[in-house]
Amino acid sequence: MPELTRRRALGAAAALAAAAGSQSVTAPAATAEGHPAGPAPFDEVYRGRRIEGRPTGGGHHHGSGYGVFVDGVELHVMQNADGRWISVVSHYDPVPTPLAAARAAVVELQGAPLVPFAPAAR
């Protein structure tokens, strides 16, 4: 059996770390047509506010095709390149899902009504 050297030990440790890291990376779920599946729909009451999230036909959702609503009023959300979500209410606090974005908006609103977002005219 060859002698264990520092170089071989470090090489083995690096190989194990790389293998463990590749095991934790998973591909996004896909629909029957093979397209990546979007976030799961939700409909719940959170802190006394009704929050909903569902796929939409696109529109002004920055291509996300997903709409989030607080008490029936659309909460403008956007998915960042890293996969995290932001909203017009909590723009500087990215969260992992649209549900988390809706909950963060409810907390930030502190009971105030959500005013519909109207993008600036061009």
C-alpha atoms as a PDB file:
ATOM      1  CA  MET A   1       0.000   0.000   0.000  1.00  0.00           C
ATOM      2  CA  PRO A   2       1.440   3.421  -0.921  1.00  0.00           C
ATOM      3  CA  GLU A   3       2.454   5.755   1.847  1.00  0.00           C
ATOM      4  CA  LEU A   4      -0.092   8.435   2.762  1.00  0.00           C
ATOM      5  CA  THR A   5       1.344  11.854   1.988  1.00  0.00           C
ATOM      6  CA  ARG A   6      -0.033  15.284   2.590  1.00  0.00           C
ATOM      7  CA  ARG A   7      -0.591  15.708  -1.159  1.00  0.00           C
ATOM      8  CA  ARG A   8      -2.629  12.488  -1.389  1.00  0.00           C
ATOM      9  CA  ALA A   9      -4.642  13.349   1.749  1.00  0.00           C
ATOM     10  CA  LEU A  10      -5.468  16.827   0.417  1.00  0.00           C
ATOM     11  CA  GLY A  11      -6.360  15.391  -2.984  1.00  0.00           C
ATOM     12  CA  ALA A  12      -8.691  12.835  -1.401  1.00  0.00           C
ATOM     13  CA  ALA A  13     -10.306  15.509   0.783  1.00  0.00           C
ATOM     14  CA  ALA A  14     -10.840  17.758  -2.246  1.00  0.00           C
ATOM     15  CA  ALA A  15     -12.391  14.890  -4.206  1.00  0.00           C
ATOM     16  CA  LEU A  16     -14.740  14.077  -1.328  1.00  0.00           C
ATOM     17  CA  ALA A  17     -15.754  17.717  -0.953  1.00  0.00           C
ATOM     18  CA  ALA A  18     -16.419  18.018  -4.688  1.00  0.00           C
ATOM     19  CA  ALA A  19     -18.492  14.834  -4.687  1.00  0.00           C
ATOM     20  CA  ALA A  20     -20.510  15.974  -1.670  1.00  0.00           C
ATOM     21  CA  GLY A  21     -21.101  19.387  -3.232  1.00  0.00           C
ATOM     22  CA  SER A  22     -22.307  17.927  -6.516  1.00  0.00           C
ATOM     23  CA  GLN A  23     -24.760  15.679  -4.669  1.00  0.00           C
ATOM     24  CA  SER A  24     -26.566  18.660  -3.122  1.00  0.00           C
ATOM     25  CA  VAL A  25     -27.188  20.431  -6.446  1.00  0.00           C
ATOM     26  CA  THR A  26     -30.529  19.422  -7.930  1.00  0.00           C
ATOM     27  CA  ALA A  27     -32.184  20.351 -11.171  1.00  0.00           C
ATOM     28  CA  PRO A  28     -35.413  22.352 -10.979  1.00  0.00           C
ATOM     29  CA  ALA A  29     -38.630  20.405 -11.309  1.00  0.00           C
ATOM     30  CA  ALA A  30     -40.087  20.192 -14.790  1.00  0.00           C
ATOM     31  CA  THR A  31     -43.579  20.052 -16.176  1.00  0.00           C
ATOM     32  CA  ALA A  32     -44.787  17.224 -18.400  1.00  0.00           C
ATOM     33  CA  GLU A  33     -43.706  19.279 -21.425  1.00  0.00           C
ATOM     34  CA  GLY A  34     -40.147  19.481 -20.059  1.00  0.00           C
ATOM     35  CA  HIS A  35     -40.289  23.183 -19.135  1.00  0.00           C
ATOM     36  CA  PRO A  36     -39.047  24.209 -15.687  1.00  0.00           C
ATOM     37  CA  ALA A  37     -41.900  24.301 -13.182  1.00  0.00           C
ATOM     38  CA  GLY A  38     -42.562  27.577 -11.406  1.00  0.00           C
ATOM     39  CA  PRO A  39     -43.200  28.150  -7.720  1.00  0.00           C
ATOM     40  CA  ALA A  40     -46.106  26.328  -6.135  1.00  0.00           C
ATOM     41  CA  PRO A  41     -49.378  28.251  -5.876  1.00  0.00           C
ATOM     42  CA  PHE A  42     -50.484  29.334  -2.411  1.00  0.00           C
ATOM     43  CA  ASP A  43     -53.562  30.838  -0.795  1.00  0.00           C
ATOM     44  CA  GLU A  44     -53.497  31.525   2.928  1.00  0.00           C
ATOM     45  CA  VAL A  45     -54.306  34.038   5.614  1.00  0.00           C
ATOM     46  CA  TYR A  46     -51.130  35.428   7.162  1.00  0.00           C
ATOM     47  CA  ARG A  47     -51.377  37.863  10.077  1.00  0.00           C
ATOM     48  CA  GLY A  48     -54.979  38.584   9.160  1.00  0.00           C
ATOM     49  CA  ARG A  49     -54.211  39.310   5.473  1.00  0.00           C
ATOM     50  CA  ARG A  50     -55.100  37.038   2.582  1.00  0.00           C
ATOM     51  CA  ILE A  51     -52.054  36.287   0.464  1.00  0.00           C
ATOM     52  CA  GLU A  52     -52.213  34.411  -2.824  1.00  0.00           C
ATOM     53  CA  GLY A  53     -49.681  33.334  -5.399  1.00  0.00           C
ATOM     54  CA  ARG A  54     -50.347  31.679  -8.722  1.00  0.00           C
ATOM     55  CA  PRO A  55     -49.025  31.334 -12.256  1.00  0.00           C
ATOM     56  CA  THR A  56     -50.109  34.118 -14.590  1.00  0.00           C
ATOM     57  CA  GLY A  57     -49.978  34.668 -18.312  1.00  0.00           C
ATOM     58  CA  GLY A  58     -46.854  36.839 -18.041  1.00  0.00           C
ATOM     59  CA  GLY A  59     -47.716  40.506 -18.459  1.00  0.00           C
ATOM     60  CA  HIS A  60     -45.579  42.890 -16.397  1.00  0.00           C
ATOM     61  CA  HIS A  61     -44.182  40.170 -14.128  1.00  0.00           C
ATOM     62  CA  HIS A  62     -40.691  40.529 -15.613  1.00  0.00           C
ATOM     63  CA  GLY A  63     -41.086  37.192 -17.335  1.00  0.00           C
ATOM     64  CA  SER A  64     -41.674  35.315 -14.087  1.00  0.00           C
ATOM     65  CA  GLY A  65     -45.203  34.352 -15.107  1.00  0.00           C
ATOM     66  CA  TYR A  66     -46.151  34.364 -11.437  1.00  0.00           C
ATOM     67  CA  GLY A  67     -48.458  36.763  -9.611  1.00  0.00           C
ATOM     68  CA  VAL A  68     -48.665  37.507  -5.883  1.00  0.00           C
ATOM     69  CA  PHE A  69     -51.658  39.236  -4.295  1.00  0.00           C
ATOM     70  CA  VAL A  70     -52.287  40.729  -0.846  1.00  0.00           C
ATOM     71  CA  ASP A  71     -55.996  41.139  -0.075  1.00  0.00           C
ATOM     72  CA  GLY A  72     -56.690  40.896  -3.822  1.00  0.00           C
ATOM     73  CA  VAL A  73     -54.250  43.680  -4.755  1.00  0.00           C
ATOM     74  CA  GLU A  74     -51.268  42.637  -6.845  1.00  0.00           C
ATOM     75  CA  LEU A  75     -47.912  42.775  -5.092  1.00  0.00           C
ATOM     76  CA  HIS A  76     -45.301  43.426  -7.772  1.00  0.00           C
ATOM     77  CA  VAL A  77     -42.676  40.671  -7.469  1.00  0.00           C
ATOM     78  CA  MET A  78     -39.601  39.780  -9.446  1.00  0.00           C
ATOM     79  CA  GLN A  79     -37.239  36.834  -9.432  1.00  0.00           C
ATOM     80  CA  ASN A  80     -33.560  37.747  -9.304  1.00  0.00           C
ATOM     81  CA  ALA A  81     -30.906  35.964 -11.344  1.00  0.00           C
ATOM     82  CA  ASP A  82     -29.854  34.007  -8.240  1.00  0.00           C
ATOM     83  CA  GLY A  83     -33.373  32.556  -7.926  1.00  0.00           C
ATOM     84  CA  ARG A  84     -34.413  34.674  -4.942  1.00  0.00           C
ATOM     85  CA  TRP A  85     -37.508  36.897  -5.029  1.00  0.00           C
ATOM     86  CA  ILE A  86     -38.035  40.569  -4.214  1.00  0.00           C
ATOM     87  CA  SER A  87     -41.145  42.715  -4.074  1.00  0.00           C
ATOM     88  CA  VAL A  88     -41.857  46.398  -4.447  1.00  0.00           C
ATOM     89  CA  VAL A  89     -42.433  46.502  -0.667  1.00  0.00           C
ATOM     90  CA  SER A  90     -39.258  44.682   0.405  1.00  0.00           C
ATOM     91  CA  HIS A  91     -37.002  45.370  -2.567  1.00  0.00           C
ATOM     92  CA  TYR A  92     -33.697  45.141  -0.686  1.00  0.00           C
ATOM     93  CA  ASP A  93     -34.458  41.938   1.210  1.00  0.00           C
ATOM     94  CA  PRO A  94     -34.453  38.983  -1.234  1.00  0.00           C
ATOM     95  CA  VAL A  95     -36.281  35.850  -0.072  1.00  0.00           C
ATOM     96  CA  PRO A  96     -36.329  32.271  -1.400  1.00  0.00           C
ATOM     97  CA  THR A  97     -39.961  32.063  -2.592  1.00  0.00           C
ATOM     98  CA  PRO A  98     -42.898  34.229  -3.647  1.00  0.00           C
ATOM     99  CA  LEU A  99     -44.712  33.032  -0.496  1.00  0.00           C
ATOM    100  CA  ALA A 100     -41.881  34.424   1.613  1.00  0.00           C
ATOM    101  CA  ALA A 101     -42.060  37.690  -0.383  1.00  0.00           C
ATOM    102  CA  ALA A 102     -45.800  37.965   0.332  1.00  0.00           C
ATOM    103  CA  ARG A 103     -45.275  37.305   4.035  1.00  0.00           C
ATOM    104  CA  ALA A 104     -42.437  39.854   4.200  1.00  0.00           C
ATOM    105  CA  ALA A 105     -44.679  42.437   2.525  1.00  0.00           C
ATOM    106  CA  VAL A 106     -47.454  41.832   5.072  1.00  0.00           C
ATOM    107  CA  VAL A 107     -44.975  42.324   7.914  1.00  0.00           C
ATOM    108  CA  GLU A 108     -43.584  45.486   6.315  1.00  0.00           C
ATOM    109  CA  LEU A 109     -47.040  46.947   5.619  1.00  0.00           C
ATOM    110  CA  GLN A 110     -47.916  46.740   9.340  1.00  0.00           C
ATOM    111  CA  GLY A 111     -51.642  46.651   8.577  1.00  0.00           C
ATOM    112  CA  ALA A 112     -51.597  49.402   5.926  1.00  0.00           C
ATOM    113  CA  PRO A 113     -53.361  48.596   2.659  1.00  0.00           C
ATOM    114  CA  LEU A 114     -51.238  47.668  -0.344  1.00  0.00           C
ATOM    115  CA  VAL A 115     -51.523  50.391  -2.984  1.00  0.00           C
ATOM    116  CA  PRO A 116     -51.448  49.057  -6.560  1.00  0.00           C
ATOM    117  CA  PHE A 117     -48.085  49.531  -8.258  1.00  0.00           C
ATOM    118  CA  ALA A 118     -48.242  51.689 -11.377  1.00  0.00           C
ATOM    119  CA  PRO A 119     -45.015  51.708 -13.409  1.00  0.00           C
ATOM    120  CA  ALA A 120     -43.842  55.131 -14.622  1.00  0.00           C
ATOM    121  CA  ALA A 121     -45.040  56.142 -18.083  1.00  0.00           C
ATOM    122  CA  ARG A 122     -42.415  56.046 -20.801  1.00  0.00           C
END
